[in-house]
Amino acid sequence: MPNQDLIDALRDSGAVQFGEFELAHGGTSEYYVDKYLFETDPDCLEVVADAFAARVDEDDKLAGVALGAVPLAAATSISAGVPYVIARKQRKEYGTGNVVEGRLEEGEEVVVLEDIVTTGTSLVDAIEALREAGATVERALIVVDREEGGRENVEDAGVEMEALVTASELLADRDDE
């Protein structure tokens, strides 16, 4: 069952756009979901955070993939009342040189949050970084699954991926417009 409130919020924020777009992995698409538009819209961000919060337990810790999922992790942390860390895809070259920012204990379970998954490469990189930092990662919550192989790649990394909405659901009634 598609999450119609989320679909409406994504559309209302102006994040769902049509045209010709180049994607991060080098492919092109006839549609684009602009994470910066939906993550900076307080109404849409609240819908996403509440949907994520409903899927986490009070003893979970969240991890937001830098940069895009950090607002999602922060808002979900507040909504669910659970802490979060920030997972970088690679070690920063200055300051502490951390790959994970925030408090993370060895063996601690984290639920990784991500905005949009296409091939899943960025998410898998963040999962590997979290594991190298000592985290246990078995679940990832995604706002939009573009259904272009990302789920399979994430699951191949041993992580269950749950999307709030898929591209099929998001675009289902486009032909009616």
Protein backbone atom coordinates (compact mmCIF):
# COMPACT_ATOMS: atom_id res chain seq x y z
CA MET A 1 0.00 0.00 0.00
CA PRO A 2 1.64 3.25 -1.04
CA ASN A 3 2.15 5.93 1.57
CA GLN A 4 -0.15 8.52 -0.01
CA ASP A 5 0.62 11.19 2.63
CA LEU A 6 4.30 10.94 1.76
CA ILE A 7 3.65 10.92 -1.97
CA ASP A 8 1.52 14.05 -1.58
CA ALA A 9 4.16 15.73 0.61
CA LEU A 10 6.94 14.96 -1.89
CA ARG A 11 4.88 16.36 -4.73
CA ASP A 12 3.70 19.40 -2.74
CA SER A 13 7.32 20.26 -1.88
CA GLY A 14 8.14 20.45 -5.60
CA ALA A 15 10.69 17.65 -5.23
CA VAL A 16 9.20 15.41 -7.93
CA GLN A 17 10.25 16.88 -11.27
CA PHE A 18 9.93 15.74 -14.88
CA GLY A 19 12.26 16.33 -17.81
CA GLU A 20 15.67 14.87 -18.62
CA PHE A 21 18.05 14.51 -15.69
CA GLU A 22 21.53 13.09 -15.28
CA LEU A 23 21.81 10.91 -12.18
CA ALA A 24 24.77 10.55 -9.83
CA HIS A 25 25.65 7.11 -11.20
CA GLY A 26 25.90 8.52 -14.72
CA GLY A 27 22.57 7.37 -16.12
CA THR A 28 19.69 9.59 -17.19
CA SER A 29 16.07 9.67 -16.10
CA GLU A 30 12.79 11.27 -17.18
CA TYR A 31 12.06 12.16 -13.56
CA TYR A 32 14.03 13.42 -10.61
CA VAL A 33 13.32 13.54 -6.90
CA ASP A 34 15.18 16.57 -5.52
CA LYS A 35 16.13 15.57 -1.98
CA TYR A 36 17.15 19.09 -1.10
CA LEU A 37 13.67 20.38 -1.87
CA PHE A 38 11.88 17.77 0.23
CA GLU A 39 14.43 17.79 3.06
CA THR A 40 14.27 21.57 3.46
CA ASP A 41 10.46 21.71 3.37
CA PRO A 42 9.32 21.48 7.02
CA ASP A 43 5.99 19.83 6.20
CA CYS A 44 7.55 17.13 4.02
CA LEU A 45 10.45 16.62 6.44
CA GLU A 46 7.97 16.07 9.26
CA VAL A 47 6.03 13.47 7.24
CA VAL A 48 9.28 11.61 6.45
CA ALA A 49 10.57 11.82 10.04
CA ASP A 50 7.29 10.56 11.47
CA ALA A 51 7.17 7.68 8.97
CA PHE A 52 10.75 6.69 9.84
CA ALA A 53 10.08 7.10 13.58
CA ALA A 54 7.14 4.69 13.34
CA ARG A 55 9.59 2.08 12.01
CA VAL A 56 12.27 2.32 14.71
CA ASP A 57 12.34 1.06 18.28
CA GLU A 58 13.21 3.14 21.33
CA ASP A 59 16.52 1.28 21.73
CA ASP A 60 17.61 1.81 18.11
CA LYS A 61 20.32 4.23 17.10
CA LEU A 62 20.05 5.96 13.74
CA ALA A 63 22.77 6.70 11.22
CA GLY A 64 22.28 9.35 8.55
CA VAL A 65 24.35 9.05 5.40
CA ALA A 66 26.24 12.34 4.83
CA LEU A 67 25.17 14.75 3.42
CA GLY A 68 21.66 14.09 2.19
CA ALA A 69 20.29 11.95 5.01
CA VAL A 70 21.60 14.08 7.89
CA PRO A 71 18.44 16.25 8.07
CA LEU A 72 16.37 13.05 7.93
CA ALA A 73 18.33 11.53 10.81
CA ALA A 74 18.11 14.71 12.89
CA ALA A 75 14.36 15.09 12.37
CA THR A 76 13.72 11.37 12.98
CA SER A 77 15.89 11.47 16.09
CA ILE A 78 13.65 14.19 17.51
CA SER A 79 10.42 12.48 16.40
CA ALA A 80 11.43 9.05 17.75
CA GLY A 81 13.45 10.24 20.73
CA VAL A 82 16.49 8.18 19.73
CA PRO A 83 20.10 9.27 19.11
CA TYR A 84 21.86 9.32 15.78
CA VAL A 85 25.29 9.41 14.21
CA ILE A 86 26.44 10.70 10.86
CA ALA A 87 28.09 8.23 8.50
CA ARG A 88 30.56 9.58 5.97
CA LYS A 89 31.23 7.59 2.83
CA GLN A 90 34.94 8.21 3.31
CA ARG A 91 37.20 9.42 6.08
CA LYS A 92 37.55 13.17 6.25
CA GLU A 93 41.06 14.53 5.75
CA TYR A 94 41.09 17.06 8.60
CA GLY A 95 40.15 17.50 12.27
CA THR A 96 39.45 14.18 13.95
CA GLY A 97 39.50 12.28 10.66
CA ASN A 98 36.36 10.41 11.72
CA VAL A 99 34.28 8.35 9.33
CA VAL A 100 31.41 8.33 11.85
CA GLU A 101 30.46 11.51 13.68
CA GLY A 102 28.72 11.25 17.04
CA ARG A 103 28.77 8.60 19.77
CA LEU A 104 28.99 5.01 18.55
CA GLU A 105 29.86 2.08 20.79
CA GLU A 106 31.53 -1.07 19.48
CA GLY A 107 28.85 -3.58 18.42
CA GLU A 108 26.01 -1.05 18.67
CA GLU A 109 23.11 -1.69 16.29
CA VAL A 110 22.20 1.15 13.99
CA VAL A 111 19.41 1.67 11.49
CA VAL A 112 20.76 3.55 8.49
CA LEU A 113 18.61 6.28 6.95
CA GLU A 114 18.98 7.36 3.34
CA ASP A 115 17.05 9.71 1.09
CA ILE A 116 17.00 8.15 -2.38
CA VAL A 117 18.44 4.84 -3.56
CA THR A 118 19.16 4.21 -7.21
CA THR A 119 22.04 1.72 -7.45
CA GLY A 120 22.65 1.69 -3.69
CA THR A 121 26.39 2.39 -4.00
CA SER A 122 26.45 5.35 -1.58
CA LEU A 123 24.34 3.47 0.95
CA VAL A 124 26.53 0.36 0.77
CA ASP A 125 29.65 2.54 1.19
CA ALA A 126 28.13 4.11 4.31
CA ILE A 127 27.12 0.68 5.67
CA GLU A 128 30.70 -0.55 5.20
CA ALA A 129 32.08 2.57 6.90
CA LEU A 130 29.72 2.07 9.86
CA ARG A 131 30.71 -1.58 10.15
CA GLU A 132 34.41 -0.68 10.02
CA ALA A 133 33.74 1.76 12.87
CA GLY A 134 32.28 -1.10 14.93
CA ALA A 135 28.54 -0.78 14.26
CA THR A 136 26.19 -3.64 13.57
CA VAL A 137 24.01 -2.77 10.57
CA GLU A 138 21.09 -4.95 9.55
CA ARG A 139 18.41 -2.44 8.48
CA ALA A 140 18.17 0.59 6.23
CA LEU A 141 15.16 2.89 5.86
CA ILE A 142 14.89 4.79 2.58
CA VAL A 143 12.57 7.59 1.51
CA VAL A 144 12.44 6.69 -2.22
CA ASP A 145 13.60 3.49 -3.91
CA ARG A 146 14.07 4.27 -7.61
CA GLU A 147 13.91 0.50 -8.27
CA GLU A 148 17.09 0.44 -10.33
CA GLY A 149 19.02 -2.32 -8.56
CA GLY A 150 19.71 -0.57 -5.28
CA ARG A 151 17.62 -2.92 -3.14
CA GLU A 152 19.50 -5.94 -4.47
CA ASN A 153 22.89 -4.32 -3.87
CA VAL A 154 21.95 -3.31 -0.32
CA GLU A 155 20.56 -6.76 0.44
CA ASP A 156 23.74 -8.33 -1.00
CA ALA A 157 25.55 -6.36 1.73
CA GLY A 158 23.43 -8.22 4.29
CA VAL A 159 21.08 -5.32 5.05
CA GLU A 160 17.28 -5.36 4.90
CA MET A 161 16.10 -2.28 3.00
CA GLU A 162 12.66 -0.77 3.55
CA ALA A 163 11.51 2.11 1.37
CA LEU A 164 8.73 4.47 2.40
CA VAL A 165 7.78 4.76 -1.26
CA THR A 166 8.97 3.24 -4.53
CA ALA A 167 9.32 5.00 -7.85
CA SER A 168 6.41 2.91 -9.17
CA GLU A 169 4.18 4.19 -6.38
CA LEU A 170 5.41 7.75 -6.71
CA LEU A 171 4.77 7.83 -10.46
CA ALA A 172 1.71 5.52 -10.56
CA ASP A 173 -0.87 8.15 -11.48
CA ARG A 174 1.36 10.30 -13.67
CA ASP A 175 -0.41 9.08 -16.80
CA ASP A 176 -3.67 10.39 -15.36
CA GLU A 177 -2.37 13.98 -15.14
